[in-house]
């Protein structure tokens, strides 16, 4: 696979390659159990990150943590919707 400066490849256990290009969306299939585990893990990470944000005095570092927090919250929201839709 030719690599561009904005292209990353991830190789999983099955040795399939997922190509990510800057600005593109990625789809991943998860079982309900895997999605619930991911949701729970994200919720815990967000709690831990919020504690770290509150303890941090360095403004630049804090802004980075806050950006990560917002990104994880967005992912968690989409995951929650997908799990809810799966119940119907």
N, C-alpha and C. Protein backbone atom coordinates (compact mmCIF):
# COMPACT_ATOMS: atom_id res chain seq x y z
N UNK A 1 0.85 -1.17 0.00
CA UNK A 1 0.00 0.00 0.00
C UNK A 1 0.89 1.23 0.00
N UNK A 2 0.65 2.15 -0.91
CA UNK A 2 1.40 3.39 -0.95
C UNK A 2 0.92 4.29 0.18
N UNK A 3 1.89 4.88 0.87
CA UNK A 3 1.51 5.73 1.99
C UNK A 3 1.63 7.19 1.58
N UNK A 4 0.58 7.93 1.84
CA UNK A 4 0.62 9.37 1.65
C UNK A 4 0.83 9.98 3.02
N UNK A 5 1.16 11.27 3.10
CA UNK A 5 1.37 11.86 4.42
C UNK A 5 0.12 11.88 5.28
N UNK A 6 -1.05 11.68 4.68
CA UNK A 6 -2.30 11.72 5.43
C UNK A 6 -3.02 10.38 5.39
N UNK A 7 -2.28 9.31 5.36
CA UNK A 7 -2.87 7.98 5.29
C UNK A 7 -2.19 7.09 6.32
N UNK A 8 -3.00 6.36 7.10
CA UNK A 8 -2.46 5.48 8.11
C UNK A 8 -3.07 4.10 7.91
N UNK A 9 -2.32 3.08 8.19
CA UNK A 9 -2.84 1.72 8.07
C UNK A 9 -2.77 1.05 9.43
N UNK A 10 -3.82 0.37 9.78
CA UNK A 10 -3.88 -0.39 11.01
C UNK A 10 -4.02 -1.86 10.64
N UNK A 11 -3.21 -2.69 11.21
CA UNK A 11 -3.26 -4.11 10.91
C UNK A 11 -3.79 -4.83 12.13
N UNK A 12 -4.91 -5.51 11.96
CA UNK A 12 -5.55 -6.23 13.06
C UNK A 12 -5.08 -7.66 13.13
N UNK A 13 -5.62 -8.38 14.08
CA UNK A 13 -5.25 -9.78 14.26
C UNK A 13 -5.52 -10.60 13.01
N UNK A 14 -6.57 -10.25 12.28
CA UNK A 14 -6.90 -11.01 11.09
C UNK A 14 -6.02 -10.62 9.91
N UNK A 15 -5.11 -9.67 10.14
CA UNK A 15 -4.19 -9.18 9.12
C UNK A 15 -4.89 -8.42 8.00
N UNK A 16 -6.17 -8.08 8.21
CA UNK A 16 -6.81 -7.19 7.26
C UNK A 16 -6.32 -5.78 7.53
N UNK A 17 -6.22 -5.00 6.51
CA UNK A 17 -5.73 -3.64 6.67
C UNK A 17 -6.89 -2.68 6.55
N UNK A 18 -6.95 -1.76 7.48
CA UNK A 18 -7.93 -0.67 7.44
C UNK A 18 -7.16 0.58 7.07
N UNK A 19 -7.53 1.20 6.01
CA UNK A 19 -6.85 2.41 5.58
C UNK A 19 -7.66 3.62 6.01
N UNK A 20 -6.99 4.51 6.71
CA UNK A 20 -7.64 5.73 7.17
C UNK A 20 -7.00 6.92 6.45
N UNK A 21 -7.82 7.74 5.86
CA UNK A 21 -7.31 8.94 5.22
C UNK A 21 -7.85 10.14 5.96
N UNK A 22 -7.03 11.16 6.04
CA UNK A 22 -7.43 12.35 6.78
C UNK A 22 -8.77 12.86 6.28
N UNK A 23 -9.67 13.12 7.22
CA UNK A 23 -10.99 13.65 6.88
C UNK A 23 -12.01 12.59 6.49
N UNK A 24 -11.61 11.34 6.44
CA UNK A 24 -12.55 10.29 6.06
C UNK A 24 -13.16 9.66 7.31
N UNK A 25 -14.30 9.05 7.13
CA UNK A 25 -14.98 8.37 8.23
C UNK A 25 -14.56 6.91 8.23
N UNK A 26 -14.64 6.30 9.40
CA UNK A 26 -14.33 4.89 9.51
C UNK A 26 -15.55 4.18 10.10
N UNK A 27 -15.84 3.04 9.58
CA UNK A 27 -16.91 2.22 10.13
C UNK A 27 -16.29 0.96 10.72
N UNK A 28 -16.85 0.55 11.84
CA UNK A 28 -16.36 -0.64 12.50
C UNK A 28 -17.58 -1.43 12.99
N UNK A 29 -17.55 -2.72 12.81
CA UNK A 29 -18.64 -3.56 13.27
C UNK A 29 -18.28 -4.14 14.64
N UNK A 30 -19.20 -3.97 15.59
CA UNK A 30 -19.01 -4.49 16.93
C UNK A 30 -20.22 -5.33 17.32
N UNK A 31 -19.98 -6.37 18.08
CA UNK A 31 -21.10 -7.09 18.66
C UNK A 31 -21.70 -6.20 19.75
N UNK A 32 -22.89 -6.53 20.19
CA UNK A 32 -23.52 -5.74 21.26
C UNK A 32 -22.62 -5.75 22.51
N UNK A 33 -22.06 -6.91 22.83
CA UNK A 33 -21.19 -7.02 24.00
C UNK A 33 -19.96 -6.12 23.85
N UNK A 34 -19.36 -6.11 22.68
CA UNK A 34 -18.19 -5.26 22.43
C UNK A 34 -18.56 -3.78 22.52
N UNK A 35 -19.72 -3.41 21.98
CA UNK A 35 -20.18 -2.02 22.02
C UNK A 35 -20.43 -1.58 23.46
N UNK A 36 -21.01 -2.45 24.26
CA UNK A 36 -21.25 -2.12 25.67
C UNK A 36 -19.93 -1.98 26.43
N UNK A 37 -18.97 -2.84 26.13
CA UNK A 37 -17.65 -2.74 26.75
C UNK A 37 -16.98 -1.42 26.36
N UNK A 38 -17.06 -1.07 25.08
CA UNK A 38 -16.49 0.20 24.62
C UNK A 38 -17.17 1.37 25.31
N UNK A 39 -18.49 1.34 25.43
CA UNK A 39 -19.23 2.39 26.12
C UNK A 39 -18.76 2.53 27.56
N UNK A 40 -18.68 1.42 28.27
CA UNK A 40 -18.26 1.44 29.67
C UNK A 40 -16.83 1.96 29.82
N UNK A 41 -15.97 1.55 28.91
CA UNK A 41 -14.57 1.99 28.95
C UNK A 41 -14.48 3.49 28.69
N UNK A 42 -15.22 3.98 27.70
CA UNK A 42 -15.23 5.41 27.43
C UNK A 42 -15.77 6.20 28.61
N UNK A 43 -16.83 5.72 29.23
CA UNK A 43 -17.39 6.42 30.40
C UNK A 43 -16.35 6.53 31.51
N UNK A 44 -15.62 5.46 31.77
CA UNK A 44 -14.59 5.50 32.82
C UNK A 44 -13.45 6.43 32.42
N UNK A 45 -13.04 6.37 31.17
CA UNK A 45 -11.95 7.24 30.71
C UNK A 45 -12.35 8.71 30.83
N UNK A 46 -13.59 9.02 30.51
CA UNK A 46 -14.07 10.40 30.61
C UNK A 46 -14.04 10.86 32.07
N UNK A 47 -14.47 10.02 32.99
CA UNK A 47 -14.41 10.36 34.42
C UNK A 47 -12.98 10.62 34.86
N UNK A 48 -12.07 9.73 34.45
CA UNK A 48 -10.66 9.89 34.81
C UNK A 48 -10.07 11.16 34.19
N UNK A 49 -10.43 11.43 32.95
CA UNK A 49 -9.94 12.61 32.26
C UNK A 49 -10.46 13.88 32.92
N UNK A 50 -11.70 13.88 33.33
CA UNK A 50 -12.27 15.05 34.02
C UNK A 50 -11.49 15.35 35.31
N UNK A 51 -11.11 14.31 36.03
CA UNK A 51 -10.30 14.51 37.24
C UNK A 51 -8.95 15.12 36.89
N UNK A 52 -8.33 14.61 35.84
CA UNK A 52 -7.03 15.12 35.40
C UNK A 52 -7.14 16.58 34.95
N UNK A 53 -8.21 16.91 34.25
CA UNK A 53 -8.42 18.29 33.82
C UNK A 53 -8.50 19.22 35.03
N UNK A 54 -9.23 18.79 36.04
CA UNK A 54 -9.40 19.62 37.25
C UNK A 54 -8.10 19.78 38.04
N UNK A 55 -7.19 18.83 37.94
CA UNK A 55 -5.92 18.90 38.68
C UNK A 55 -4.82 19.64 37.91
N UNK A 56 -5.03 19.88 36.64
CA UNK A 56 -3.98 20.42 35.79
C UNK A 56 -3.97 21.95 35.81
N UNK A 57 -2.78 22.51 36.00
CA UNK A 57 -2.61 23.96 35.98
C UNK A 57 -2.10 24.48 34.64
N UNK A 58 -1.41 23.64 33.90
CA UNK A 58 -0.84 24.05 32.62
C UNK A 58 -1.98 24.25 31.61
N UNK A 59 -2.14 25.48 31.16
CA UNK A 59 -3.29 25.81 30.30
C UNK A 59 -3.26 25.08 28.96
N UNK A 60 -2.09 24.99 28.36
CA UNK A 60 -2.00 24.31 27.06
C UNK A 60 -2.33 22.83 27.20
N UNK A 61 -1.79 22.20 28.22
CA UNK A 61 -2.06 20.78 28.47
C UNK A 61 -3.55 20.58 28.76
N UNK A 62 -4.12 21.50 29.55
CA UNK A 62 -5.54 21.42 29.91
C UNK A 62 -6.42 21.53 28.66
N UNK A 63 -6.06 22.43 27.74
CA UNK A 63 -6.84 22.57 26.49
C UNK A 63 -6.81 21.28 25.68
N UNK A 64 -5.65 20.63 25.65
CA UNK A 64 -5.55 19.35 24.94
C UNK A 64 -6.42 18.28 25.58
N UNK A 65 -6.39 18.23 26.91
CA UNK A 65 -7.23 17.27 27.63
C UNK A 65 -8.70 17.55 27.38
N UNK A 66 -9.08 18.82 27.38
CA UNK A 66 -10.48 19.19 27.15
C UNK A 66 -10.92 18.81 25.74
N UNK A 67 -10.03 18.97 24.76
CA UNK A 67 -10.35 18.57 23.39
C UNK A 67 -10.57 17.06 23.32
N UNK A 68 -9.72 16.30 24.01
CA UNK A 68 -9.88 14.84 24.05
C UNK A 68 -11.19 14.47 24.73
N UNK A 69 -11.53 15.18 25.80
CA UNK A 69 -12.77 14.93 26.53
C UNK A 69 -13.98 15.15 25.61
N UNK A 70 -13.97 16.24 24.87
CA UNK A 70 -15.09 16.52 23.95
C UNK A 70 -15.18 15.45 22.86
N UNK A 71 -14.05 15.03 22.35
CA UNK A 71 -14.05 14.00 21.31
C UNK A 71 -14.61 12.68 21.86
N UNK A 72 -14.20 12.30 23.06
CA UNK A 72 -14.71 11.06 23.65
C UNK A 72 -16.20 11.16 23.95
N UNK A 73 -16.65 12.34 24.37
CA UNK A 73 -18.08 12.55 24.62
C UNK A 73 -18.89 12.40 23.33
N UNK A 74 -18.36 12.92 22.22
CA UNK A 74 -19.05 12.77 20.92
C UNK A 74 -19.14 11.30 20.52
N UNK A 75 -18.04 10.59 20.67
CA UNK A 75 -18.02 9.16 20.33
C UNK A 75 -19.00 8.41 21.21
N UNK A 76 -18.98 8.71 22.51
CA UNK A 76 -19.88 8.05 23.45
C UNK A 76 -21.34 8.32 23.09
N UNK A 77 -21.64 9.54 22.68
CA UNK A 77 -23.01 9.87 22.26
C UNK A 77 -23.46 9.07 21.06
N UNK A 78 -22.60 8.95 20.06
CA UNK A 78 -22.95 8.16 18.87
C UNK A 78 -23.09 6.69 19.22
N UNK A 79 -22.24 6.21 20.10
CA UNK A 79 -22.31 4.81 20.53
C UNK A 79 -23.60 4.55 21.29
N UNK A 80 -23.99 5.48 22.16
CA UNK A 80 -25.23 5.32 22.92
C UNK A 80 -26.44 5.27 22.00
N UNK A 81 -26.46 6.11 20.96
CA UNK A 81 -27.56 6.11 20.00
C UNK A 81 -27.60 4.78 19.27
N UNK A 82 -26.43 4.29 18.85
CA UNK A 82 -26.38 3.01 18.12
C UNK A 82 -26.87 1.86 19.01
N UNK A 83 -26.48 1.87 20.28
CA UNK A 83 -26.94 0.82 21.19
C UNK A 83 -28.44 0.93 21.41
N UNK A 84 -28.96 2.13 21.55
CA UNK A 84 -30.40 2.33 21.74
C UNK A 84 -31.16 1.88 20.50
N UNK A 85 -30.66 2.25 19.32
CA UNK A 85 -31.33 1.84 18.08
C UNK A 85 -31.33 0.32 17.92
N UNK A 86 -30.31 -0.34 18.46
CA UNK A 86 -30.22 -1.78 18.37
C UNK A 86 -31.25 -2.50 19.23
N UNK A 87 -31.86 -1.79 20.17
CA UNK A 87 -32.87 -2.40 21.03
C UNK A 87 -34.22 -2.49 20.33
N UNK A 88 -34.41 -1.70 19.30
CA UNK A 88 -35.71 -1.64 18.61
C UNK A 88 -35.79 -2.62 17.47
